[in-house]
């Protein structure tokens, strides 16, 4: 397949987890604590419920439910205008690999890296029992491997990591890559149990990712029962989402770059997805300047500026319609940018995501070729795909 002469690798496509996933895949000793999709008490809505909480986080609050309704209605209007669905049932098929492959064909995507949707939300709880967190991840990752069996040449699994106890994340990373064929380890972009990403507690996970030869992929969620910028804006989802994705992503990038993670692990690769990319040049300039003036060289010894570590180790995803990327590329270059369709989420540009990117003015043909395929293939180690 070639989209107007370009091969396309989607750095971040999504499943929608079936309601019985954890009932089927969770180990027997955790079955009575399995996440369930049920009516939310005091409302006419349904949602995921787990460990006494609802998901997405705080959906039991009236203001959050109101904003969910606003989001659905705005999405419906956009979808009607764009002709998104030939069949309205397509909107519900994120749990079906054949539907994903059909959507990829319609969009013009050759290969996709397959990410969770609710899977990361469920473990977004500070103080969660680490063994239960690991079991929830194992169940999802096993299901996702079965999902990708439909076409392993085109569907590549990205495994969710349980971060409440890093030892368990290391064990799951090893299982997922060696036994299930995962090509990336998915992390939140906000802190877990209050630990910054440069905390030495994570070093065993960075070392394992380096040994396994797979990247760590940071991806945000809209809200969490953890330290999370979106919680400042419970009644303003536009602001909560803008903080939850790009701004939290900036903090995750900055933590790794200034905290010496890539100095300690020179073979580590990291992706920062679904948070746009045009902020990167300014943020790297800011980090370089702050490290020069204020960096704690004894605690975080760096042999080069943060911007250079970024260019050697990091990839970031452009939004398909991110027109301002034309100004970012001259400052950042075009070797560290990938693209995500975000199918089947209601805010994705499907089925016009790739067309929208190809239509961007001021982005050269060679840059488009790198962003649509070459850079993503290097990130995930799939150059022969």
Protein backbone atom coordinates (compact mmCIF):
# COMPACT_ATOMS: atom_id res chain seq x y z
CA UNK A 1 0.00 0.00 0.00
CA UNK A 2 1.18 3.55 -0.63
CA UNK A 3 -0.69 6.71 0.30
CA UNK A 4 -0.03 9.08 -2.60
CA UNK A 5 3.38 7.46 -2.96
CA UNK A 6 4.23 7.42 0.79
CA UNK A 7 4.46 4.42 3.08
CA UNK A 8 2.77 5.15 6.41
CA UNK A 9 3.52 3.82 9.89
CA UNK A 10 1.10 4.98 12.59
CA UNK A 11 3.01 5.49 15.83
CA UNK A 12 -0.15 5.40 17.96
CA UNK A 13 -3.43 3.74 16.98
CA UNK A 14 -5.83 2.58 19.71
CA UNK A 15 -7.97 -0.34 20.71
CA UNK A 16 -11.18 0.08 22.67
CA UNK A 17 -11.10 -2.63 25.29
CA UNK A 18 -14.10 -5.03 25.32
CA UNK A 19 -16.17 -4.92 28.46
CA UNK A 20 -15.31 -8.49 29.40
CA UNK A 21 -11.54 -8.25 28.83
CA UNK A 22 -10.47 -8.41 32.47
CA UNK A 23 -13.18 -10.92 33.37
CA UNK A 24 -11.71 -13.24 30.73
CA UNK A 25 -8.00 -12.55 31.01
CA UNK A 26 -7.35 -11.64 34.65
CA UNK A 27 -5.73 -14.37 36.73
CA UNK A 28 -8.17 -16.29 38.97
CA UNK A 29 -6.84 -14.93 42.27
CA UNK A 30 -7.70 -11.37 41.13
CA UNK A 31 -11.03 -12.07 39.41
CA UNK A 32 -13.14 -10.70 42.28
CA UNK A 33 -11.29 -7.36 41.86
CA UNK A 34 -11.56 -7.22 38.08
CA UNK A 35 -12.42 -3.91 36.37
CA UNK A 36 -16.07 -3.95 35.27
CA UNK A 37 -18.13 -1.82 32.92
CA UNK A 38 -21.33 -0.95 34.78
CA UNK A 39 -23.92 1.81 35.36
CA UNK A 40 -22.58 4.75 37.36
CA UNK A 41 -24.64 5.23 40.49
CA UNK A 42 -26.82 8.34 40.44
CA UNK A 43 -26.55 8.87 36.70
CA UNK A 44 -27.85 7.50 33.40
CA UNK A 45 -24.30 6.76 32.21
CA UNK A 46 -22.10 3.68 32.25
CA UNK A 47 -18.39 3.57 32.92
CA UNK A 48 -15.50 1.41 34.04
CA UNK A 49 -15.38 0.73 37.78
CA UNK A 50 -12.38 -0.60 39.67
CA UNK A 51 -11.21 -0.52 43.28
CA UNK A 52 -14.11 1.72 44.31
CA UNK A 53 -13.47 4.33 41.58
CA UNK A 54 -14.95 5.14 38.19
CA UNK A 55 -13.03 5.62 34.94
CA UNK A 56 -12.25 7.86 33.16
CA UNK A 57 -11.33 9.39 36.52
CA UNK A 58 -14.00 11.34 38.39
CA UNK A 59 -16.74 10.54 35.87
CA UNK A 60 -19.07 10.19 38.86
CA UNK A 61 -18.89 13.98 39.35
CA UNK A 62 -21.74 15.94 37.70
CA UNK A 63 -19.40 18.45 36.06
CA UNK A 64 -17.34 15.67 34.49
CA UNK A 65 -20.45 13.90 33.18
CA UNK A 66 -21.70 17.17 31.68
CA UNK A 67 -18.39 17.70 29.88
CA UNK A 68 -18.46 14.12 28.59
CA UNK A 69 -21.85 14.86 27.02
CA UNK A 70 -20.50 18.09 25.49
CA UNK A 71 -17.57 16.14 24.03
CA UNK A 72 -19.84 13.49 22.51
CA UNK A 73 -22.14 16.05 20.92
CA UNK A 74 -19.27 18.07 19.43
CA UNK A 75 -17.74 14.86 18.09
CA UNK A 76 -21.06 13.85 16.51
CA UNK A 77 -21.30 17.18 14.69
CA UNK A 78 -17.71 16.88 13.40
CA UNK A 79 -18.20 13.29 12.31
CA UNK A 80 -21.34 14.07 10.36
CA UNK A 81 -19.61 16.98 8.64
CA UNK A 82 -16.51 14.94 7.76
CA UNK A 83 -18.36 11.81 6.64
CA UNK A 84 -16.29 9.85 9.12
CA UNK A 85 -18.47 6.74 9.23
CA UNK A 86 -19.83 4.88 6.26
CA UNK A 87 -21.59 2.69 8.81
CA UNK A 88 -22.40 4.10 12.29
CA UNK A 89 -21.40 0.73 13.77
CA UNK A 90 -17.76 1.53 12.86
CA UNK A 91 -17.67 3.83 15.89
CA UNK A 92 -17.86 0.82 18.23
CA UNK A 93 -15.33 -1.53 16.65
CA UNK A 94 -12.10 -0.65 18.38
CA UNK A 95 -12.18 -4.11 19.98
CA UNK A 96 -12.11 -5.84 16.58
CA UNK A 97 -8.76 -6.24 14.76
CA UNK A 98 -10.50 -6.66 11.42
CA UNK A 99 -12.21 -3.28 11.90
CA UNK A 100 -8.83 -1.75 12.73
CA UNK A 101 -7.29 -3.18 9.57
CA UNK A 102 -10.20 -1.87 7.49
CA UNK A 103 -9.79 1.57 9.06
CA UNK A 104 -6.06 1.47 8.29
CA UNK A 105 -6.84 0.58 4.68
CA UNK A 106 -9.28 3.46 4.41
CA UNK A 107 -6.80 5.89 5.98
CA UNK A 108 -3.84 4.59 3.99
CA UNK A 109 -1.80 3.16 6.89
CA UNK A 110 0.54 0.23 6.22
CA UNK A 111 1.67 -0.61 9.78
CA UNK A 112 0.32 0.57 13.15
CA UNK A 113 1.66 0.43 16.71
CA UNK A 114 -1.37 -0.56 18.80
CA UNK A 115 -1.97 1.22 22.11
CA UNK A 116 -4.43 0.88 24.98
CA UNK A 117 -7.36 3.17 25.70
CA UNK A 118 -8.79 2.48 29.17
CA UNK A 119 -5.90 0.20 30.15
CA UNK A 120 -3.72 3.07 31.38
CA UNK A 121 -6.65 4.81 33.07
CA UNK A 122 -7.34 1.81 35.31
CA UNK A 123 -3.86 1.80 36.82
CA UNK A 124 -3.80 5.60 37.21
CA UNK A 125 -4.27 5.37 40.99
CA UNK A 126 -1.59 6.32 43.48
CA UNK A 127 -1.20 3.67 46.17
CA UNK A 128 -2.76 0.92 44.04
CA UNK A 129 -1.78 -2.58 45.16
CA UNK A 130 1.31 -3.25 42.99
CA UNK A 131 0.41 -6.91 42.48
CA UNK A 132 -3.08 -5.95 41.30
CA UNK A 133 -1.67 -3.25 39.01
CA UNK A 134 0.67 -5.82 37.47
CA UNK A 135 -2.16 -8.33 37.04
CA UNK A 136 -4.34 -5.74 35.26
CA UNK A 137 -1.45 -5.00 32.90
CA UNK A 138 -0.70 -8.68 32.28
CA UNK A 139 -4.32 -9.32 31.36
CA UNK A 140 -4.45 -6.38 28.96
CA UNK A 141 -1.12 -7.22 27.35
CA UNK A 142 -2.11 -10.86 26.81
CA UNK A 143 -5.40 -9.77 25.23
CA UNK A 144 -3.59 -7.25 23.03
CA UNK A 145 -1.17 -9.91 21.80
CA UNK A 146 -4.17 -12.04 20.79
CA UNK A 147 -5.71 -8.99 19.08
CA UNK A 148 -2.56 -8.37 17.02
CA UNK A 149 -2.41 -12.04 15.96
CA UNK A 150 -4.95 -11.13 13.29
CA UNK A 151 -2.11 -9.63 11.23
CA UNK A 152 1.23 -9.49 13.01
CA UNK A 153 2.90 -7.89 10.00
CA UNK A 154 0.67 -4.82 10.25
CA UNK A 155 -0.39 -4.71 13.93
CA UNK A 156 2.41 -4.25 16.48
CA UNK A 157 1.58 -4.33 20.20
CA UNK A 158 2.63 -1.64 22.69
CA UNK A 159 2.54 -3.13 26.20
CA UNK A 160 1.24 -1.25 29.26
CA UNK A 161 3.65 -1.23 32.21
CA UNK A 162 2.69 -1.49 35.91
CA UNK A 163 4.75 1.23 37.59
CA UNK A 164 3.67 0.98 41.22
CA UNK A 165 6.55 -1.44 41.78
CA UNK A 166 9.31 -1.19 39.21
CA UNK A 167 10.44 -4.79 39.74
CA UNK A 168 7.07 -5.96 38.41
CA UNK A 169 7.33 -3.62 35.44
CA UNK A 170 10.70 -5.12 34.55
CA UNK A 171 9.25 -8.63 34.69
CA UNK A 172 6.29 -7.63 32.52
CA UNK A 173 8.50 -5.82 30.01
CA UNK A 174 10.59 -8.97 29.58
CA UNK A 175 7.51 -11.18 29.14
CA UNK A 176 5.82 -8.84 26.68
CA UNK A 177 8.81 -8.35 24.42
CA UNK A 178 10.23 -11.88 24.50
CA UNK A 179 7.02 -13.90 24.60
CA UNK A 180 4.29 -11.65 23.18
CA UNK A 181 6.22 -9.69 20.55
CA UNK A 182 5.59 -6.19 21.96
CA UNK A 183 7.60 -3.42 20.30
CA UNK A 184 7.21 -0.71 22.97
CA UNK A 185 6.60 -0.22 26.70
CA UNK A 186 3.79 2.27 27.42
CA UNK A 187 4.08 4.67 30.38
CA UNK A 188 1.93 7.52 31.63
CA UNK A 189 3.24 11.04 31.06
CA UNK A 190 2.38 12.16 34.60
CA UNK A 191 3.98 10.96 37.87
CA UNK A 192 3.11 7.62 39.48
CA UNK A 193 3.16 7.59 43.29
CA UNK A 194 4.69 11.07 43.10
CA UNK A 195 8.02 9.91 41.64
CA UNK A 196 9.62 12.06 38.92
CA UNK A 197 10.84 10.13 35.89
CA UNK A 198 14.50 10.70 36.77
CA UNK A 199 14.04 8.96 40.14
CA UNK A 200 16.66 6.17 40.42
CA UNK A 201 13.81 3.78 41.31
CA UNK A 202 13.06 3.60 37.58
CA UNK A 203 16.61 2.76 36.56
CA UNK A 204 15.96 -1.02 36.39
CA UNK A 205 13.15 -0.38 33.89
CA UNK A 206 15.31 1.89 31.72
CA UNK A 207 18.05 -0.72 31.82
CA UNK A 208 15.63 -3.48 30.79
CA UNK A 209 14.19 -1.44 27.92
CA UNK A 210 17.75 -0.80 26.77
CA UNK A 211 18.59 -4.52 26.94
CA UNK A 212 15.41 -5.52 25.14
CA UNK A 213 15.98 -2.92 22.42
CA UNK A 214 12.50 -1.39 22.64
CA UNK A 215 11.48 2.21 23.34
CA UNK A 216 9.52 3.52 26.28
CA UNK A 217 6.46 5.36 24.95
CA UNK A 218 4.93 8.11 27.08
CA UNK A 219 1.23 8.72 26.44
CA UNK A 220 -1.15 10.87 28.45
CA UNK A 221 -4.64 10.29 29.78
CA UNK A 222 -7.26 12.97 30.34
CA UNK A 223 -7.48 12.63 34.14
CA UNK A 224 -6.12 10.39 36.91
CA UNK A 225 -6.31 9.61 40.62
CA UNK A 226 -2.69 10.76 40.73
CA UNK A 227 -0.76 14.01 40.53
CA UNK A 228 -2.13 15.32 37.25
CA UNK A 229 -2.50 18.82 35.80
CA UNK A 230 -5.98 18.06 34.48
CA UNK A 231 -7.30 17.90 38.04
CA UNK A 232 -6.98 21.69 38.28
CA UNK A 233 -9.70 22.06 35.64
CA UNK A 234 -12.49 19.63 36.52
CA UNK A 235 -15.12 21.98 35.09
CA UNK A 236 -13.19 22.95 31.93
CA UNK A 237 -12.36 19.91 29.80
CA UNK A 238 -10.75 21.96 27.03
CA UNK A 239 -8.17 23.24 29.51
CA UNK A 240 -7.88 19.89 31.30
CA UNK A 241 -7.13 18.08 28.04
CA UNK A 242 -4.65 20.72 26.90
CA UNK A 243 -2.79 20.32 30.21
CA UNK A 244 -3.11 16.53 30.37
CA UNK A 245 -1.42 15.92 27.04
CA UNK A 246 1.06 18.59 25.80
CA UNK A 247 1.95 20.21 29.14
CA UNK A 248 2.34 16.95 31.09
CA UNK A 249 4.36 15.67 28.12
CA UNK A 250 6.70 18.65 28.35
CA UNK A 251 7.31 17.83 32.01
CA UNK A 252 8.00 14.17 31.25
CA UNK A 253 10.47 15.09 28.49
CA UNK A 254 12.14 17.62 30.74
CA UNK A 255 12.44 15.18 33.63
CA UNK A 256 14.28 12.62 31.54
CA UNK A 257 16.53 15.15 29.80
CA UNK A 258 17.58 17.19 32.83
CA UNK A 259 17.60 14.26 35.25
CA UNK A 260 20.41 12.43 33.48
CA UNK A 261 18.41 9.39 32.37
CA UNK A 262 19.93 9.29 28.87
CA UNK A 263 23.38 9.91 30.28
CA UNK A 264 23.00 6.79 32.43
CA UNK A 265 21.31 4.75 29.68
CA UNK A 266 22.85 5.75 26.34
CA UNK A 267 20.93 3.06 24.43
CA UNK A 268 17.47 4.09 25.67
CA UNK A 269 14.89 5.37 23.17
CA UNK A 270 11.79 7.33 24.23
CA UNK A 271 8.63 8.42 22.40
CA UNK A 272 6.29 11.20 23.49
CA UNK A 273 2.96 10.68 21.77
CA UNK A 274 -0.35 12.46 21.29
CA UNK A 275 0.88 15.72 22.75
CA UNK A 276 1.72 17.61 19.51
CA UNK A 277 5.30 18.62 18.73
CA UNK A 278 5.63 22.30 17.85
CA UNK A 279 6.46 23.24 21.45
CA UNK A 280 9.66 21.19 21.32
CA UNK A 281 12.13 23.81 19.97
CA UNK A 282 11.20 26.39 22.61
CA UNK A 283 11.18 23.81 25.40
CA UNK A 284 14.62 22.48 24.46
CA UNK A 285 15.99 26.03 24.35
CA UNK A 286 14.49 26.64 27.80
CA UNK A 287 15.91 23.43 29.27
CA UNK A 288 19.37 24.11 27.82
CA UNK A 289 19.36 27.62 29.27
CA UNK A 290 18.11 26.52 32.72
CA UNK A 291 20.56 23.64 33.00
CA UNK A 292 23.44 25.95 32.09
CA UNK A 293 22.42 28.43 34.80
CA UNK A 294 20.93 26.24 37.51
CA UNK A 295 21.79 22.59 36.79
CA UNK A 296 22.89 20.47 39.78
CA UNK A 297 25.98 19.00 38.13
CA UNK A 298 26.82 16.83 41.12
CA UNK A 299 23.42 15.13 41.27
CA UNK A 300 22.61 15.16 37.54
CA UNK A 301 25.92 15.07 35.65
CA UNK A 302 25.32 15.74 31.95
CA UNK A 303 27.99 15.54 29.27
CA UNK A 304 25.89 17.47 26.72
CA UNK A 305 22.93 19.88 26.74
CA UNK A 306 19.37 18.52 27.03
CA UNK A 307 18.62 19.39 23.39
CA UNK A 308 21.38 17.09 22.20
CA UNK A 309 20.08 14.17 24.29
CA UNK A 310 16.65 14.79 22.75
CA UNK A 311 17.99 14.59 19.21
CA UNK A 312 19.85 11.36 19.99
CA UNK A 313 17.20 9.54 22.03
CA UNK A 314 13.70 11.02 21.61
CA UNK A 315 10.81 11.07 19.16
CA UNK A 316 7.66 13.17 19.36
CA UNK A 317 4.37 12.90 17.45
CA UNK A 318 2.92 15.59 15.22
CA UNK A 319 -0.86 16.00 15.04
CA UNK A 320 -2.06 15.37 11.46
CA UNK A 321 -3.42 18.93 11.17
CA UNK A 322 -0.64 20.65 13.18
CA UNK A 323 -0.03 23.42 10.64
CA UNK A 324 2.52 25.21 12.88
CA UNK A 325 4.93 22.28 12.50
CA UNK A 326 6.21 24.16 9.41
CA UNK A 327 7.86 26.58 11.86
CA UNK A 328 9.12 23.87 14.21
CA UNK A 329 10.96 21.78 11.63
CA UNK A 330 13.58 24.43 10.75
CA UNK A 331 14.51 24.67 14.45
CA UNK A 332 14.09 21.01 15.44
CA UNK A 333 14.87 19.17 12.23
CA UNK A 334 12.73 16.39 10.80
CA UNK A 335 14.47 13.28 12.17
CA UNK A 336 12.65 13.07 15.52
CA UNK A 337 9.01 13.47 14.44
CA UNK A 338 6.46 10.69 13.89
CA UNK A 339 2.72 10.75 13.19
CA UNK A 340 -0.30 9.28 14.97
CA UNK A 341 -3.83 8.80 13.64
CA UNK A 342 -5.40 8.25 17.11
CA UNK A 343 -8.11 6.04 15.55
CA UNK A 344 -10.83 5.31 16.75
CA UNK A 345 -11.02 8.06 19.37
CA UNK A 346 -13.69 10.66 18.77
CA UNK A 347 -11.18 13.51 18.49
CA UNK A 348 -9.07 11.80 15.84
CA UNK A 349 -9.00 13.11 12.27
CA UNK A 350 -9.95 9.68 10.85
CA UNK A 351 -10.48 9.00 7.97
CA UNK A 352 -8.65 12.13 6.79
CA UNK A 353 -5.66 12.15 9.16
CA UNK A 354 -2.98 11.25 6.62
CA UNK A 355 -4.57 13.40 3.92
CA UNK A 356 -4.58 16.34 6.34
CA UNK A 357 -0.87 15.88 7.06
CA UNK A 358 0.02 15.51 3.40
CA UNK A 359 -1.88 18.72 2.74
CA UNK A 360 0.13 20.80 5.22
CA UNK A 361 1.84 23.75 3.56
CA UNK A 362 5.50 24.46 4.18
CA UNK A 363 6.45 20.83 4.96
CA UNK A 364 8.68 19.37 2.25
CA UNK A 365 8.23 16.01 0.55
CA UNK A 366 11.37 14.56 2.15
CA UNK A 367 10.21 15.66 5.62
CA UNK A 368 6.83 14.07 5.01
CA UNK A 369 8.49 10.83 3.95
CA UNK A 370 10.57 10.72 7.13
CA UNK A 371 7.64 11.57 9.41
CA UNK A 372 5.25 9.10 7.80
CA UNK A 373 7.62 6.12 7.82
CA UNK A 374 11.37 6.39 8.32
CA UNK A 375 11.41 8.00 11.76
CA UNK A 376 8.76 5.68 13.18
CA UNK A 377 10.55 2.63 11.81
CA UNK A 378 13.76 3.72 13.57
CA UNK A 379 11.91 4.45 16.81
CA UNK A 380 10.30 1.02 17.02
CA UNK A 381 13.15 -0.93 15.42
CA UNK A 382 10.96 -1.93 12.46
CA UNK A 383 13.13 -0.85 9.56
CA UNK A 384 12.47 -4.15 7.78
CA UNK A 385 8.67 -3.95 8.18
